[in-house]
């Protein structure tokens, strides 16, 4: 079996929050440094090769095709694997389904790139995402405070 992703990595932990600026202020008060490459709708904190990201909970739920951002159907958290290219998104999602996961959202073109979601057998939400703006080092570690200019 060939590996679709040469490294086992989670690049982003995405937290759905009610108020992005308020939550960002909370984490900054803990001493975390906000990445200069985010914005008021999507805030990143560099965690040394991966990032904790904050996004509006309703926007997040809508993106993941959940009917509602409240209740037991949507936890407001996803682990994100950033694929090396757009074609890998579909392949990784297919592998997740073959391994017993459930596709929540198939690979779909977004205004950022290509993304899809799956749940593992215990219901944990994962996004597989490809966007040209993410920057990586030679070992495929995320360079949180940098963006690729395309």
Protein backbone atom coordinates (compact mmCIF):
# COMPACT_ATOMS: atom_id res chain seq x y z
CA UNK A 1 0.00 0.00 0.00
CA UNK A 2 1.55 3.30 -1.04
CA UNK A 3 1.26 6.26 1.25
CA UNK A 4 -0.75 9.24 0.05
CA UNK A 5 0.80 11.50 2.65
CA UNK A 6 4.51 10.82 3.25
CA UNK A 7 4.17 12.01 6.82
CA UNK A 8 1.58 11.50 9.51
CA UNK A 9 0.65 15.03 10.45
CA UNK A 10 -2.19 17.07 11.77
CA UNK A 11 -1.47 20.62 10.66
CA UNK A 12 -4.39 22.53 12.12
CA UNK A 13 -6.78 22.18 15.03
CA UNK A 14 -9.86 24.18 14.09
CA UNK A 15 -12.09 25.48 16.88
CA UNK A 16 -15.57 26.80 16.09
CA UNK A 17 -16.23 29.75 18.39
CA UNK A 18 -19.15 32.15 18.92
CA UNK A 19 -17.06 35.32 18.61
CA UNK A 20 -13.66 35.10 16.88
CA UNK A 21 -12.20 38.43 18.12
CA UNK A 22 -13.31 37.71 21.73
CA UNK A 23 -11.83 34.21 21.63
CA UNK A 24 -8.61 35.52 20.09
CA UNK A 25 -8.31 38.02 22.94
CA UNK A 26 -8.75 35.17 25.43
CA UNK A 27 -5.89 33.14 23.95
CA UNK A 28 -3.71 36.24 23.65
CA UNK A 29 -4.35 36.87 27.37
CA UNK A 30 -2.94 33.38 28.01
CA UNK A 31 0.28 34.58 26.38
CA UNK A 32 -0.26 33.02 22.95
CA UNK A 33 0.99 35.01 19.97
CA UNK A 34 -1.51 35.61 17.21
CA UNK A 35 -0.20 34.99 13.69
CA UNK A 36 -0.02 38.17 11.61
CA UNK A 37 -1.35 36.26 8.56
CA UNK A 38 -4.88 35.70 9.86
CA UNK A 39 -7.85 38.09 9.94
CA UNK A 40 -10.84 38.81 12.18
CA UNK A 41 -12.76 35.86 10.70
CA UNK A 42 -9.95 33.32 10.88
CA UNK A 43 -7.31 33.65 13.58
CA UNK A 44 -4.22 31.43 13.81
CA UNK A 45 -1.86 30.75 16.68
CA UNK A 46 1.52 29.24 15.82
CA UNK A 47 2.04 26.15 17.96
CA UNK A 48 5.45 25.20 16.58
CA UNK A 49 4.76 23.44 13.28
CA UNK A 50 1.00 23.30 13.57
CA UNK A 51 -1.66 25.86 14.39
CA UNK A 52 -4.68 26.32 16.60
CA UNK A 53 -7.21 28.19 14.45
CA UNK A 54 -10.40 30.00 15.42
CA UNK A 55 -13.36 30.34 13.07
CA UNK A 56 -16.97 31.38 13.53
CA UNK A 57 -18.91 28.32 14.68
CA UNK A 58 -21.84 28.90 12.29
CA UNK A 59 -19.47 29.33 9.31
CA UNK A 60 -17.61 26.19 10.33
CA UNK A 61 -20.83 24.18 10.65
CA UNK A 62 -22.01 25.42 7.28
CA UNK A 63 -18.70 24.47 5.67
CA UNK A 64 -18.84 20.95 7.11
CA UNK A 65 -22.48 20.55 5.93
CA UNK A 66 -23.83 20.15 9.44
CA UNK A 67 -27.45 21.26 9.70
CA UNK A 68 -26.83 23.22 12.89
CA UNK A 69 -23.93 24.53 14.95
CA UNK A 70 -25.57 23.56 18.25
CA UNK A 71 -26.59 20.29 19.84
CA UNK A 72 -24.94 16.90 19.57
CA UNK A 73 -24.57 16.94 15.77
CA UNK A 74 -21.64 19.36 15.63
CA UNK A 75 -18.79 19.43 18.14
CA UNK A 76 -17.19 22.61 16.80
CA UNK A 77 -13.73 20.99 16.47
CA UNK A 78 -11.91 19.44 13.53
CA UNK A 79 -8.42 18.16 12.95
CA UNK A 80 -7.08 19.23 9.58
CA UNK A 81 -4.59 17.50 7.31
CA UNK A 82 -3.25 19.80 4.60
CA UNK A 83 -2.76 17.78 1.44
CA UNK A 84 0.25 18.32 -0.82
CA UNK A 85 -1.93 18.79 -3.92
CA UNK A 86 -5.58 19.09 -4.87
CA UNK A 87 -5.83 15.52 -6.22
CA UNK A 88 -4.74 14.06 -2.89
CA UNK A 89 -7.86 15.39 -1.17
CA UNK A 90 -10.13 12.89 -2.96
CA UNK A 91 -7.63 10.06 -2.52
CA UNK A 92 -7.24 10.63 1.21
CA UNK A 93 -11.02 10.85 1.66
CA UNK A 94 -11.44 7.58 -0.26
CA UNK A 95 -8.85 5.91 1.93
CA UNK A 96 -10.66 7.14 5.05
CA UNK A 97 -13.94 5.65 3.75
CA UNK A 98 -12.25 2.33 2.89
CA UNK A 99 -10.84 2.20 6.43
CA UNK A 100 -14.30 2.58 8.01
CA UNK A 101 -14.70 6.35 8.19
CA UNK A 102 -17.76 8.24 6.95
CA UNK A 103 -17.49 10.92 4.29
CA UNK A 104 -19.26 14.02 5.61
CA UNK A 105 -18.44 16.22 2.63
CA UNK A 106 -16.75 14.95 -0.54
CA UNK A 107 -13.81 16.79 -2.08
CA UNK A 108 -15.28 20.07 -3.19
CA UNK A 109 -13.82 23.14 -4.89
CA UNK A 110 -13.85 26.09 -2.53
CA UNK A 111 -12.78 29.66 -3.12
CA UNK A 112 -9.57 28.69 -1.27
CA UNK A 113 -8.79 25.39 -3.02
CA UNK A 114 -10.19 21.88 -2.52
CA UNK A 115 -11.48 20.42 0.73
CA UNK A 116 -13.59 17.61 2.14
CA UNK A 117 -14.51 16.18 5.52
CA UNK A 118 -14.71 12.73 7.04
CA UNK A 119 -15.53 11.33 10.45
CA UNK A 120 -13.48 8.54 11.95
CA UNK A 121 -15.32 5.48 13.38
CA UNK A 122 -15.75 7.33 16.70
CA UNK A 123 -17.26 10.40 15.06
CA UNK A 124 -14.24 12.73 15.25
CA UNK A 125 -14.31 15.27 12.42
CA UNK A 126 -11.33 15.62 10.08
CA UNK A 127 -10.91 17.98 7.17
CA UNK A 128 -8.61 17.19 4.27
CA UNK A 129 -7.70 20.47 2.65
CA UNK A 130 -5.51 21.79 -0.13
CA UNK A 131 -4.87 25.51 -0.46
CA UNK A 132 -1.92 27.08 -2.24
CA UNK A 133 -1.47 29.70 0.48
CA UNK A 134 -0.11 27.33 3.15
CA UNK A 135 3.69 27.30 3.40
CA UNK A 136 5.74 24.25 4.46
CA UNK A 137 9.38 23.52 5.20
CA UNK A 138 11.33 20.63 3.63
CA UNK A 139 9.93 18.14 6.22
CA UNK A 140 6.34 19.23 5.46
CA UNK A 141 6.01 21.10 8.76
CA UNK A 142 3.59 23.98 8.54
CA UNK A 143 5.15 27.44 8.57
CA UNK A 144 2.24 29.12 10.32
CA UNK A 145 3.31 32.75 10.06
CA UNK A 146 4.11 32.61 6.36
CA UNK A 147 1.91 32.36 3.32
CA UNK A 148 2.71 31.32 -0.23
CA UNK A 149 2.05 34.04 -2.72
CA UNK A 150 0.65 32.54 -5.91
